Amino acid sequence: MEISHTIINLIIFVLAIYVGYHVVWTVTPALHTPLMAVTNAVSAIIIVGAMLAAGLTEGLTGQIAGTIAVALAAVNVFGGFLVTQRMLEMFKKKEPKAKPAPAAGDAVGVAKEAA
C-alpha cells in the first residue's frame, strides 16, 4: 500500500502550522524584534523561490501563481520591515520636553527671570 504524495504533503503542512504556532507564541517579548528580522530574511528567500517558480514554469497558471506569490511575499517583507522599525522606535530613549518660553506680556514670567 502506497501513501499518496498529496497526503504526505498535507501532513507536513499541518505539522508545520502546529509547530510554528507553538514556537511563535512561546517567544518572550524581548525576542520579538530579532524574530521579526529573521522572519523578514526567510520571506526574502521565499521571494527568490517564487521568482524561480514563476520564471521556470511552462504553463500560464503556474506563472500567474508564481507572480502572485512574489507580490504577496514582497508585501510581507516590506510590512515586516515597517513593523520592525516601529518596534525599534519603542526602545529609543525619549528626549525630555523643553520648558515653554514665557510669553512677552507675562508679568509673572518676567519677574521670575529678573529675580
PDB file of N, CA and C in Angstrom:
ATOM      1  N   MET A   1       0.844  -1.182   0.000  1.00  0.00           N
ATOM      2  CA  MET A   1       0.000   0.000   0.000  1.00  0.00           C
ATOM      3  C   MET A   1       0.890   1.246   0.000  1.00  0.00           C
ATOM      4  N   GLU A   2       0.647   2.104  -0.937  1.00  0.00           N
ATOM      5  CA  GLU A   2       1.450   3.311  -1.066  1.00  0.00           C
ATOM      6  C   GLU A   2       0.615   4.529  -0.678  1.00  0.00           C
ATOM      7  N   ILE A   3       1.224   5.428   0.111  1.00  0.00           N
ATOM      8  CA  ILE A   3       0.530   6.636   0.540  1.00  0.00           C
ATOM      9  C   ILE A   3       0.758   7.722  -0.511  1.00  0.00           C
ATOM     10  N   SER A   4      -0.282   8.448  -0.812  1.00  0.00           N
ATOM     11  CA  SER A   4      -0.216   9.496  -1.818  1.00  0.00           C
ATOM     12  C   SER A   4       0.720  10.627  -1.377  1.00  0.00           C
ATOM     13  N   HIS A   5       1.415  11.208  -2.338  1.00  0.00           N
ATOM     14  CA  HIS A   5       2.285  12.337  -2.029  1.00  0.00           C
ATOM     15  C   HIS A   5       1.476  13.534  -1.514  1.00  0.00           C
ATOM     16  N   THR A   6       0.262  13.660  -1.974  1.00  0.00           N
ATOM     17  CA  THR A   6      -0.594  14.756  -1.519  1.00  0.00           C
ATOM     18  C   THR A   6      -0.886  14.633  -0.033  1.00  0.00           C
ATOM     19  N   ILE A   7      -1.145  13.422   0.432  1.00  0.00           N
ATOM     20  CA  ILE A   7      -1.416  13.195   1.858  1.00  0.00           C
ATOM     21  C   ILE A   7      -0.166  13.494   2.685  1.00  0.00           C
ATOM     22  N   ILE A   8       0.976  13.070   2.220  1.00  0.00           N
ATOM     23  CA  ILE A   8       2.225  13.337   2.941  1.00  0.00           C
ATOM     24  C   ILE A   8       2.484  14.840   3.025  1.00  0.00           C
ATOM     25  N   ASN A   9       2.287  15.547   1.894  1.00  0.00           N
ATOM     26  CA  ASN A   9       2.478  16.996   1.898  1.00  0.00           C
ATOM     27  C   ASN A   9       1.477  17.696   2.805  1.00  0.00           C
ATOM     28  N   LEU A  10       0.252  17.214   2.849  1.00  0.00           N
ATOM     29  CA  LEU A  10      -0.762  17.790   3.727  1.00  0.00           C
ATOM     30  C   LEU A  10      -0.396  17.581   5.195  1.00  0.00           C
ATOM     31  N   ILE A  11       0.109  16.412   5.541  1.00  0.00           N
ATOM     32  CA  ILE A  11       0.532  16.135   6.923  1.00  0.00           C
ATOM     33  C   ILE A  11       1.688  17.050   7.315  1.00  0.00           C
ATOM     34  N   ILE A  12       2.659  17.221   6.424  1.00  0.00           N
ATOM     35  CA  ILE A  12       3.788  18.114   6.699  1.00  0.00           C
ATOM     36  C   ILE A  12       3.302  19.553   6.882  1.00  0.00           C
ATOM     37  N   PHE A  13       2.366  19.978   6.056  1.00  0.00           N
ATOM     38  CA  PHE A  13       1.825  21.330   6.143  1.00  0.00           C
ATOM     39  C   PHE A  13       1.121  21.555   7.480  1.00  0.00           C
ATOM     40  N   VAL A  14       0.305  20.605   7.903  1.00  0.00           N
ATOM     41  CA  VAL A  14      -0.423  20.732   9.177  1.00  0.00           C
ATOM     42  C   VAL A  14       0.560  20.719  10.348  1.00  0.00           C
ATOM     43  N   LEU A  15       1.555  19.864  10.315  1.00  0.00           N
ATOM     44  CA  LEU A  15       2.558  19.837  11.390  1.00  0.00           C
ATOM     45  C   LEU A  15       3.368  21.132  11.432  1.00  0.00           C
ATOM     46  N   ALA A  16       3.669  21.702  10.263  1.00  0.00           N
ATOM     47  CA  ALA A  16       4.407  22.969  10.231  1.00  0.00           C
ATOM     48  C   ALA A  16       3.574  24.086  10.850  1.00  0.00           C
ATOM     49  N   ILE A  17       2.287  24.106  10.588  1.00  0.00           N
ATOM     50  CA  ILE A  17       1.406  25.103  11.198  1.00  0.00           C
ATOM     51  C   ILE A  17       1.376  24.921  12.705  1.00  0.00           C
ATOM     52  N   TYR A  18       1.238  23.702  13.162  1.00  0.00           N
ATOM     53  CA  TYR A  18       1.168  23.417  14.600  1.00  0.00           C
ATOM     54  C   TYR A  18       2.460  23.822  15.313  1.00  0.00           C
ATOM     55  N   VAL A  19       3.589  23.415  14.778  1.00  0.00           N
ATOM     56  CA  VAL A  19       4.879  23.736  15.397  1.00  0.00           C
ATOM     57  C   VAL A  19       5.130  25.244  15.336  1.00  0.00           C
ATOM     58  N   GLY A  20       4.851  25.866  14.204  1.00  0.00           N
ATOM     59  CA  GLY A  20       5.050  27.307  14.068  1.00  0.00           C
ATOM     60  C   GLY A  20       4.212  28.101  15.049  1.00  0.00           C
ATOM     61  N   TYR A  21       2.972  27.685  15.249  1.00  0.00           N
ATOM     62  CA  TYR A  21       2.091  28.362  16.205  1.00  0.00           C
ATOM     63  C   TYR A  21       2.677  28.296  17.608  1.00  0.00           C
ATOM     64  N   HIS A  22       3.097  27.137  18.024  1.00  0.00           N
ATOM     65  CA  HIS A  22       3.630  26.985  19.381  1.00  0.00           C
ATOM     66  C   HIS A  22       4.986  27.665  19.554  1.00  0.00           C
ATOM     67  N   VAL A  23       5.802  27.698  18.527  1.00  0.00           N
ATOM     68  CA  VAL A  23       7.100  28.366  18.628  1.00  0.00           C
ATOM     69  C   VAL A  23       6.912  29.878  18.758  1.00  0.00           C
ATOM     70  N   VAL A  24       6.033  30.451  17.955  1.00  0.00           N
ATOM     71  CA  VAL A  24       5.843  31.901  17.973  1.00  0.00           C
ATOM     72  C   VAL A  24       5.198  32.363  19.273  1.00  0.00           C
ATOM     73  N   TRP A  25       4.230  31.619  19.792  1.00  0.00           N
ATOM     74  CA  TRP A  25       3.531  32.073  20.993  1.00  0.00           C
ATOM     75  C   TRP A  25       4.322  31.860  22.273  1.00  0.00           C
ATOM     76  N   THR A  26       5.427  31.118  22.227  1.00  0.00           N
ATOM     77  CA  THR A  26       6.238  30.939  23.434  1.00  0.00           C
ATOM     78  C   THR A  26       7.465  31.851  23.450  1.00  0.00           C
ATOM     79  N   VAL A  27       7.591  32.744  22.468  1.00  0.00           N
ATOM     80  CA  VAL A  27       8.718  33.665  22.422  1.00  0.00           C
ATOM     81  C   VAL A  27       8.505  34.769  23.455  1.00  0.00           C
ATOM     82  N   THR A  28       9.557  35.076  24.207  1.00  0.00           N
ATOM     83  CA  THR A  28       9.456  36.158  25.192  1.00  0.00           C
ATOM     84  C   THR A  28       9.409  37.494  24.460  1.00  0.00           C
ATOM     85  N   PRO A  29       8.789  38.503  25.065  1.00  0.00           N
ATOM     86  CA  PRO A  29       8.664  39.802  24.383  1.00  0.00           C
ATOM     87  C   PRO A  29      10.005  40.433  23.994  1.00  0.00           C
ATOM     88  N   ALA A  30      11.066  40.157  24.736  1.00  0.00           N
ATOM     89  CA  ALA A  30      12.369  40.746  24.410  1.00  0.00           C
ATOM     90  C   ALA A  30      12.922  40.216  23.089  1.00  0.00           C
ATOM     91  N   LEU A  31      12.445  39.072  22.640  1.00  0.00           N
ATOM     92  CA  LEU A  31      12.973  38.466  21.414  1.00  0.00           C
ATOM     93  C   LEU A  31      12.100  38.713  20.188  1.00  0.00           C
ATOM     94  N   HIS A  32      11.046  39.499  20.326  1.00  0.00           N
ATOM     95  CA  HIS A  32      10.154  39.716  19.189  1.00  0.00           C
ATOM     96  C   HIS A  32      10.840  40.452  18.039  1.00  0.00           C
ATOM     97  N   THR A  33      11.657  41.463  18.344  1.00  0.00           N
ATOM     98  CA  THR A  33      12.323  42.214  17.278  1.00  0.00           C
ATOM     99  C   THR A  33      13.313  41.350  16.503  1.00  0.00           C
ATOM    100  N   PRO A  34      14.201  40.587  17.183  1.00  0.00           N
ATOM    101  CA  PRO A  34      15.080  39.700  16.394  1.00  0.00           C
ATOM    102  C   PRO A  34      14.304  38.645  15.614  1.00  0.00           C
ATOM    103  N   LEU A  35      13.202  38.170  16.179  1.00  0.00           N
ATOM    104  CA  LEU A  35      12.398  37.181  15.472  1.00  0.00           C
ATOM    105  C   LEU A  35      11.805  37.785  14.202  1.00  0.00           C
ATOM    106  N   MET A  36      11.375  39.044  14.269  1.00  0.00           N
ATOM    107  CA  MET A  36      10.839  39.710  13.078  1.00  0.00           C
ATOM    108  C   MET A  36      11.919  39.858  12.007  1.00  0.00           C
ATOM    109  N   ALA A  37      13.145  40.149  12.438  1.00  0.00           N
ATOM    110  CA  ALA A  37      14.234  40.307  11.474  1.00  0.00           C
ATOM    111  C   ALA A  37      14.522  38.985  10.763  1.00  0.00           C
ATOM    112  N   VAL A  38      14.504  37.902  11.498  1.00  0.00           N
ATOM    113  CA  VAL A  38      14.735  36.581  10.896  1.00  0.00           C
ATOM    114  C   VAL A  38      13.576  36.220   9.975  1.00  0.00           C
ATOM    115  N   THR A  39      12.369  36.553  10.378  1.00  0.00           N
ATOM    116  CA  THR A  39      11.207  36.278   9.539  1.00  0.00           C
ATOM    117  C   THR A  39      11.299  37.046   8.230  1.00  0.00           C
ATOM    118  N   ASN A  40      11.790  38.285   8.283  1.00  0.00           N
ATOM    119  CA  ASN A  40      11.975  39.049   7.048  1.00  0.00           C
ATOM    120  C   ASN A  40      13.004  38.383   6.145  1.00  0.00           C
ATOM    121  N   ALA A  41      14.057  37.845   6.722  1.00  0.00           N
ATOM    122  CA  ALA A  41      15.070  37.157   5.918  1.00  0.00           C
ATOM    123  C   ALA A  41      14.488  35.907   5.261  1.00  0.00           C
ATOM    124  N   VAL A  42      13.676  35.174   5.991  1.00  0.00           N
ATOM    125  CA  VAL A  42      13.043  33.981   5.427  1.00  0.00           C
ATOM    126  C   VAL A  42      12.101  34.374   4.293  1.00  0.00           C
ATOM    127  N   SER A  43      11.358  35.463   4.491  1.00  0.00           N
ATOM    128  CA  SER A  43      10.450  35.924   3.438  1.00  0.00           C
ATOM    129  C   SER A  43      11.223  36.355   2.200  1.00  0.00           C
ATOM    130  N   ALA A  44      12.402  36.910   2.378  1.00  0.00           N
ATOM    131  CA  ALA A  44      13.219  37.284   1.224  1.00  0.00           C
ATOM    132  C   ALA A  44      13.653  36.043   0.443  1.00  0.00           C
ATOM    133  N   ILE A  45      13.949  34.976   1.154  1.00  0.00           N
ATOM    134  CA  ILE A  45      14.302  33.714   0.489  1.00  0.00           C
ATOM    135  C   ILE A  45      13.081  33.163  -0.254  1.00  0.00           C
ATOM    136  N   ILE A  46      11.911  33.346   0.332  1.00  0.00           N
ATOM    137  CA  ILE A  46      10.676  32.894  -0.324  1.00  0.00           C
ATOM    138  C   ILE A  46      10.459  33.662  -1.630  1.00  0.00           C
ATOM    139  N   ILE A  47      10.810  34.944  -1.639  1.00  0.00           N
ATOM    140  CA  ILE A  47      10.676  35.727  -2.878  1.00  0.00           C
ATOM    141  C   ILE A  47      11.546  35.133  -3.979  1.00  0.00           C
ATOM    142  N   VAL A  48      12.768  34.748  -3.629  1.00  0.00           N
ATOM    143  CA  VAL A  48      13.655  34.149  -4.637  1.00  0.00           C
ATOM    144  C   VAL A  48      13.046  32.856  -5.171  1.00  0.00           C
ATOM    145  N   GLY A  49      12.517  32.015  -4.277  1.00  0.00           N
ATOM    146  CA  GLY A  49      11.873  30.777  -4.717  1.00  0.00           C
ATOM    147  C   GLY A  49      10.653  31.034  -5.582  1.00  0.00           C
ATOM    148  N   ALA A  50       9.865  32.050  -5.215  1.00  0.00           N
ATOM    149  CA  ALA A  50       8.676  32.381  -6.011  1.00  0.00           C
ATOM    150  C   ALA A  50       9.062  32.913  -7.383  1.00  0.00           C
ATOM    151  N   MET A  51      10.160  33.672  -7.440  1.00  0.00           N
ATOM    152  CA  MET A  51      10.629  34.153  -8.744  1.00  0.00           C
ATOM    153  C   MET A  51      11.063  32.991  -9.637  1.00  0.00           C
ATOM    154  N   LEU A  52      11.761  32.039  -9.037  1.00  0.00           N
ATOM    155  CA  LEU A  52      12.168  30.857  -9.806  1.00  0.00           C
ATOM    156  C   LEU A  52      10.949  30.069 -10.278  1.00  0.00           C
ATOM    157  N   ALA A  53       9.961  29.934  -9.388  1.00  0.00           N
ATOM    158  CA  ALA A  53       8.749  29.200  -9.757  1.00  0.00           C
ATOM    159  C   ALA A  53       8.003  29.912 -10.878  1.00  0.00           C
ATOM    160  N   ALA A  54       7.943  31.246 -10.803  1.00  0.00           N
ATOM    161  CA  ALA A  54       7.228  31.993 -11.840  1.00  0.00           C
ATOM    162  C   ALA A  54       7.989  31.973 -13.163  1.00  0.00           C
ATOM    163  N   GLY A  55       9.316  32.017 -13.107  1.00  0.00           N
ATOM    164  CA  GLY A  55      10.105  32.085 -14.333  1.00  0.00           C
ATOM    165  C   GLY A  55      10.311  30.762 -15.023  1.00  0.00           C
ATOM    166  N   LEU A  56      10.386  29.688 -14.261  1.00  0.00           N
ATOM    167  CA  LEU A  56      10.691  28.387 -14.852  1.00  0.00           C
ATOM    168  C   LEU A  56       9.454  27.566 -15.199  1.00  0.00           C
ATOM    169  N   THR A  57       8.284  28.066 -14.869  1.00  0.00           N
ATOM    170  CA  THR A  57       7.056  27.319 -15.125  1.00  0.00           C
ATOM    171  C   THR A  57       6.637  27.480 -16.584  1.00  0.00           C
ATOM    172  N   GLU A  58       6.176  26.380 -17.167  1.00  0.00           N
ATOM    173  CA  GLU A  58       5.773  26.389 -18.576  1.00  0.00           C
ATOM    174  C   GLU A  58       4.372  26.962 -18.777  1.00  0.00           C
ATOM    175  N   GLY A  59       3.441  26.603 -17.899  1.00  0.00           N
ATOM    176  CA  GLY A  59       2.048  26.992 -18.100  1.00  0.00           C
ATOM    177  C   GLY A  59       1.738  28.390 -17.598  1.00  0.00           C
ATOM    178  N   LEU A  60       0.679  28.955 -18.136  1.00  0.00           N
ATOM    179  CA  LEU A  60       0.251  30.296 -17.751  1.00  0.00           C
ATOM    180  C   LEU A  60      -0.242  30.324 -16.305  1.00  0.00           C
ATOM    181  N   THR A  61      -0.925  29.273 -15.873  1.00  0.00           N
ATOM    182  CA  THR A  61      -1.444  29.229 -14.498  1.00  0.00           C
ATOM    183  C   THR A  61      -0.315  29.249 -13.490  1.00  0.00           C
ATOM    184  N   GLY A  62       0.741  28.502 -13.738  1.00  0.00           N
ATOM    185  CA  GLY A  62       1.887  28.483 -12.837  1.00  0.00           C
ATOM    186  C   GLY A  62       2.606  29.822 -12.795  1.00  0.00           C
ATOM    187  N   GLN A  63       2.699  30.474 -13.945  1.00  0.00           N
ATOM    188  CA  GLN A  63       3.346  31.784 -13.990  1.00  0.00           C
ATOM    189  C   GLN A  63       2.533  32.827 -13.227  1.00  0.00           C
ATOM    190  N   ILE A  64       1.223  32.768 -13.352  1.00  0.00           N
ATOM    191  CA  ILE A  64       0.352  33.697 -12.616  1.00  0.00           C
ATOM    192  C   ILE A  64       0.452  33.430 -11.124  1.00  0.00           C
ATOM    193  N   ALA A  65       0.414  32.148 -10.735  1.00  0.00           N
ATOM    194  CA  ALA A  65       0.524  31.811  -9.308  1.00  0.00           C
ATOM    195  C   ALA A  65       1.886  32.239  -8.753  1.00  0.00           C
ATOM    196  N   GLY A  66       2.951  32.062  -9.524  1.00  0.00           N
ATOM    197  CA  GLY A  66       4.279  32.489  -9.090  1.00  0.00           C
ATOM    198  C   GLY A  66       4.375  33.995  -8.956  1.00  0.00           C
ATOM    199  N   THR A  67       3.772  34.714  -9.872  1.00  0.00           N
ATOM    200  CA  THR A  67       3.779  36.178  -9.803  1.00  0.00           C
ATOM    201  C   THR A  67       3.007  36.668  -8.584  1.00  0.00           C
ATOM    202  N   ILE A  68       1.875  36.043  -8.306  1.00  0.00           N
ATOM    203  CA  ILE A  68       1.097  36.397  -7.106  1.00  0.00           C
ATOM    204  C   ILE A  68       1.904  36.076  -5.847  1.00  0.00           C
ATOM    205  N   ALA A  69       2.622  34.954  -5.869  1.00  0.00           N
ATOM    206  CA  ALA A  69       3.456  34.595  -4.716  1.00  0.00           C
ATOM    207  C   ALA A  69       4.564  35.612  -4.496  1.00  0.00           C
ATOM    208  N   VAL A  70       5.163  36.094  -5.576  1.00  0.00           N
ATOM    209  CA  VAL A  70       6.204  37.124  -5.451  1.00  0.00           C
ATOM    210  C   VAL A  70       5.613  38.396  -4.855  1.00  0.00           C
ATOM    211  N   ALA A  71       4.447  38.797  -5.338  1.00  0.00           N
ATOM    212  CA  ALA A  71       3.817  40.025  -4.841  1.00  0.00           C
ATOM    213  C   ALA A  71       3.466  39.897  -3.357  1.00  0.00           C
ATOM    214  N   LEU A  72       2.886  38.782  -2.961  1.00  0.00           N
ATOM    215  CA  LEU A  72       2.494  38.604  -1.557  1.00  0.00           C
ATOM    216  C   LEU A  72       3.714  38.519  -0.644  1.00  0.00           C
ATOM    217  N   ALA A  73       4.757  37.852  -1.092  1.00  0.00           N
ATOM    218  CA  ALA A  73       5.971  37.770  -0.279  1.00  0.00           C
ATOM    219  C   ALA A  73       6.637  39.137  -0.157  1.00  0.00           C
ATOM    220  N   ALA A  74       6.580  39.941  -1.219  1.00  0.00           N
ATOM    221  CA  ALA A  74       7.150  41.293  -1.161  1.00  0.00           C
ATOM    222  C   ALA A  74       6.389  42.160  -0.170  1.00  0.00           C
ATOM    223  N   VAL A  75       5.066  42.063  -0.181  1.00  0.00           N
ATOM    224  CA  VAL A  75       4.255  42.797   0.800  1.00  0.00           C
ATOM    225  C   VAL A  75       4.623  42.349   2.208  1.00  0.00           C
ATOM    226  N   ASN A  76       4.832  41.064   2.388  1.00  0.00           N
ATOM    227  CA  ASN A  76       5.204  40.533   3.699  1.00  0.00           C
ATOM    228  C   ASN A  76       6.553  41.076   4.154  1.00  0.00           C
ATOM    229  N   VAL A  77       7.532  41.136   3.254  1.00  0.00           N
ATOM    230  CA  VAL A  77       8.861  41.643   3.612  1.00  0.00           C
ATOM    231  C   VAL A  77       8.792  43.122   3.979  1.00  0.00           C
ATOM    232  N   PHE A  78       8.184  43.934   3.124  1.00  0.00           N
ATOM    233  CA  PHE A  78       8.135  45.368   3.393  1.00  0.00           C
ATOM    234  C   PHE A  78       7.311  45.674   4.638  1.00  0.00           C
ATOM    235  N   GLY A  79       6.203  44.963   4.824  1.00  0.00           N
ATOM    236  CA  GLY A  79       5.419  45.143   6.048  1.00  0.00           C
ATOM    237  C   GLY A  79       6.201  44.723   7.280  1.00  0.00           C
ATOM    238  N   GLY A  80       6.965  43.653   7.165  1.00  0.00           N
ATOM    239  CA  GLY A  80       7.785  43.202   8.291  1.00  0.00           C
ATOM    240  C   GLY A  80       8.849  44.218   8.666  1.00  0.00           C
ATOM    241  N   PHE A  81       9.462  44.845   7.646  1.00  0.00           N
ATOM    242  CA  PHE A  81      10.452  45.875   7.944  1.00  0.00           C
ATOM    243  C   PHE A  81       9.804  47.092   8.608  1.00  0.00           C
ATOM    244  N   LEU A  82       8.604  47.448   8.186  1.00  0.00           N
ATOM    245  CA  LEU A  82       7.913  48.575   8.820  1.00  0.00           C
ATOM    246  C   LEU A  82       7.573  48.268  10.274  1.00  0.00           C
ATOM    247  N   VAL A  83       7.101  47.066  10.538  1.00  0.00           N
ATOM    248  CA  VAL A  83       6.774  46.676  11.917  1.00  0.00           C
ATOM    249  C   VAL A  83       8.042  46.629  12.767  1.00  0.00           C
ATOM    250  N   THR A  84       9.124  46.094  12.217  1.00  0.00           N
ATOM    251  CA  THR A  84      10.387  46.041  12.961  1.00  0.00           C
ATOM    252  C   THR A  84      10.880  47.451  13.274  1.00  0.00           C
ATOM    253  N   GLN A  85      10.757  48.364  12.322  1.00  0.00           N
ATOM    254  CA  GLN A  85      11.175  49.748  12.551  1.00  0.00           C
ATOM    255  C   GLN A  85      10.353  50.371  13.678  1.00  0.00           C
ATOM    256  N   ARG A  86       9.063  50.134  13.689  1.00  0.00           N
ATOM    257  CA  ARG A  86       8.206  50.686  14.755  1.00  0.00           C
ATOM    258  C   ARG A  86       8.554  50.069  16.103  1.00  0.00           C
ATOM    259  N   MET A  87       8.888  48.794  16.112  1.00  0.00           N
ATOM    260  CA  MET A  87       9.255  48.148  17.378  1.00  0.00           C
ATOM    261  C   MET A  87      10.577  48.711  17.903  1.00  0.00           C
ATOM    262  N   LEU A  88      11.524  48.966  17.009  1.00  0.00           N
ATOM    263  CA  LEU A  88      12.800  49.526  17.435  1.00  0.00           C
ATOM    264  C   LEU A  88      12.640  50.956  17.942  1.00  0.00           C
ATOM    265  N   GLU A  89      11.689  51.704  17.396  1.00  0.00           N
ATOM    266  CA  GLU A  89      11.427  53.066  17.868  1.00  0.00           C
ATOM    267  C   GLU A  89      10.948  53.057  19.320  1.00  0.00           C
ATOM    268  N   MET A  90      10.296  51.997  19.737  1.00  0.00           N
ATOM    269  CA  MET A  90       9.794  51.916  21.112  1.00  0.00           C
ATOM    270  C   MET A  90      10.943  51.815  22.113  1.00  0.00           C
ATOM    271  N   PHE A  91      12.098  51.307  21.694  1.00  0.00           N
ATOM    272  CA  PHE A  91      13.214  51.122  22.610  1.00  0.00           C
ATOM    273  C   PHE A  91      14.132  52.341  22.700  1.00  0.00           C
ATOM    274  N   LYS A  92      13.928  53.340  21.848  1.00  0.00           N
ATOM    275  CA  LYS A  92      14.769  54.526  21.893  1.00  0.00           C
ATOM    276  C   LYS A  92      14.372  55.396  23.075  1.00  0.00           C
ATOM    277  N   LYS A  93      15.370  56.059  23.661  1.00  0.00           N
ATOM    278  CA  LYS A  93      15.095  56.972  24.763  1.00  0.00           C
ATOM    279  C   LYS A  93      14.442  58.227  24.218  1.00  0.00           C
ATOM    280  N   LYS A  94      13.423  58.667  24.925  1.00  0.00           N
ATOM    281  CA  LYS A  94      12.734  59.874  24.507  1.00  0.00           C
ATOM    282  C   LYS A  94      13.433  61.086  25.096  1.00  0.00           C
ATOM    283  N   GLU A  95      13.528  62.137  24.299  1.00  0.00           N
ATOM    284  CA  GLU A  95      14.147  63.365  24.773  1.00  0.00           C
ATOM    285  C   GLU A  95      13.212  64.073  25.742  1.00  0.00           C
ATOM    286  N   PRO A  96      13.770  64.682  26.801  1.00  0.00           N
ATOM    287  CA  PRO A  96      12.900  65.403  27.736  1.00  0.00           C
ATOM    288  C   PRO A  96      12.267  66.604  27.055  1.00  0.00           C
ATOM    289  N   LYS A  97      11.054  66.899  27.474  1.00  0.00           N
ATOM    290  CA  LYS A  97      10.341  68.023  26.876  1.00  0.00           C
ATOM    291  C   LYS A  97      10.954  69.330  27.380  1.00  0.00           C
ATOM    292  N   ALA A  98      11.136  70.269  26.476  1.00  0.00           N
ATOM    293  CA  ALA A  98      11.688  71.578  26.839  1.00  0.00           C
ATOM    294  C   ALA A  98      10.601  72.411  27.505  1.00  0.00           C
ATOM    295  N   LYS A  99      11.017  73.242  28.466  1.00  0.00           N
ATOM    296  CA  LYS A  99      10.055  74.116  29.131  1.00  0.00           C
ATOM    297  C   LYS A  99       9.655  75.216  28.161  1.00  0.00           C
ATOM    298  N   PRO A 100       8.369  75.544  28.133  1.00  0.00           N
ATOM    299  CA  PRO A 100       7.935  76.592  27.201  1.00  0.00           C
ATOM    300  C   PRO A 100       8.458  77.959  27.648  1.00  0.00           C
ATOM    301  N   ALA A 101       8.826  78.791  26.689  1.00  0.00           N
ATOM    302  CA  ALA A 101       9.311  80.141  26.990  1.00  0.00           C
ATOM    303  C   ALA A 101       8.148  80.995  27.457  1.00  0.00           C
ATOM    304  N   PRO A 102       8.374  81.883  28.421  1.00  0.00           N
ATOM    305  CA  PRO A 102       7.273  82.732  28.893  1.00  0.00           C
ATOM    306  C   PRO A 102       6.834  83.700  27.806  1.00  0.00           C
ATOM    307  N   ALA A 103       5.561  84.011  27.830  1.00  0.00           N
ATOM    308  CA  ALA A 103       5.003  84.937  26.842  1.00  0.00           C
ATOM    309  C   ALA A 103       5.522  86.343  27.116  1.00  0.00           C
ATOM    310  N   ALA A 104       5.523  87.185  26.086  1.00  0.00           N
ATOM    311  CA  ALA A 104       6.070  88.545  26.207  1.00  0.00           C
ATOM    312  C   ALA A 104       5.281  89.380  27.204  1.00  0.00           C
ATOM    313  N   GLY A 105       3.989  89.208  27.288  1.00  0.00           N
ATOM    314  CA  GLY A 105       3.169  90.010  28.187  1.00  0.00           C
ATOM    315  C   GLY A 105       2.982  89.363  29.544  1.00  0.00           C
ATOM    316  N   ASP A 106       3.668  88.291  29.816  1.00  0.00           N
ATOM    317  CA  ASP A 106       3.502  87.584  31.072  1.00  0.00           C
ATOM    318  C   ASP A 106       4.363  88.238  32.138  1.00  0.00           C
ATOM    319  N   ALA A 107       3.730  88.965  33.050  1.00  0.00           N
ATOM    320  CA  ALA A 107       4.451  89.713  34.086  1.00  0.00           C
ATOM    321  C   ALA A 107       5.089  88.768  35.097  1.00  0.00           C
ATOM    322  N   VAL A 108       4.447  87.672  35.398  1.00  0.00           N
ATOM    323  CA  VAL A 108       4.996  86.726  36.359  1.00  0.00           C
ATOM    324  C   VAL A 108       6.274  86.124  35.811  1.00  0.00           C
ATOM    325  N   GLY A 109       6.287  85.754  34.523  1.00  0.00           N
ATOM    326  CA  GLY A 109       7.451  85.171  33.899  1.00  0.00           C
ATOM    327  C   GLY A 109       8.621  86.161  33.844  1.00  0.00           C
ATOM    328  N   VAL A 110       8.316  87.421  33.582  1.00  0.00           N
ATOM    329  CA  VAL A 110       9.366  88.445  33.512  1.00  0.00           C
ATOM    330  C   VAL A 110       9.934  88.712  34.889  1.00  0.00           C
ATOM    331  N   ALA A 111       9.051  88.712  35.914  1.00  0.00           N
ATOM    332  CA  ALA A 111       9.511  88.971  37.292  1.00  0.00           C
ATOM    333  C   ALA A 111      10.403  87.827  37.774  1.00  0.00           C
ATOM    334  N   LYS A 112      10.080  86.592  37.398  1.00  0.00           N
ATOM    335  CA  LYS A 112      10.890  85.444  37.824  1.00  0.00           C
ATOM    336  C   LYS A 112      12.262  85.487  37.161  1.00  0.00           C
ATOM    337  N   GLU A 113      12.318  85.919  35.892  1.00  0.00           N
ATOM    338  CA  GLU A 113      13.599  85.994  35.205  1.00  0.00           C
ATOM    339  C   GLU A 113      14.479  87.083  35.789  1.00  0.00           C
ATOM    340  N   ALA A 114      13.863  88.196  36.245  1.00  0.00           N
ATOM    341  CA  ALA A 114      14.631  89.300  36.777  1.00  0.00           C
ATOM    342  C   ALA A 114      15.202  88.958  38.142  1.00  0.00           C
ATOM    343  N   ALA A 115      14.519  88.097  38.888  1.00  0.00           N
ATOM    344  CA  ALA A 115      14.963  87.789  40.253  1.00  0.00           C
ATOM    345  C   ALA A 115      16.079  86.838  40.315  1.00  0.00           C
TER     346      ALA A 115
END
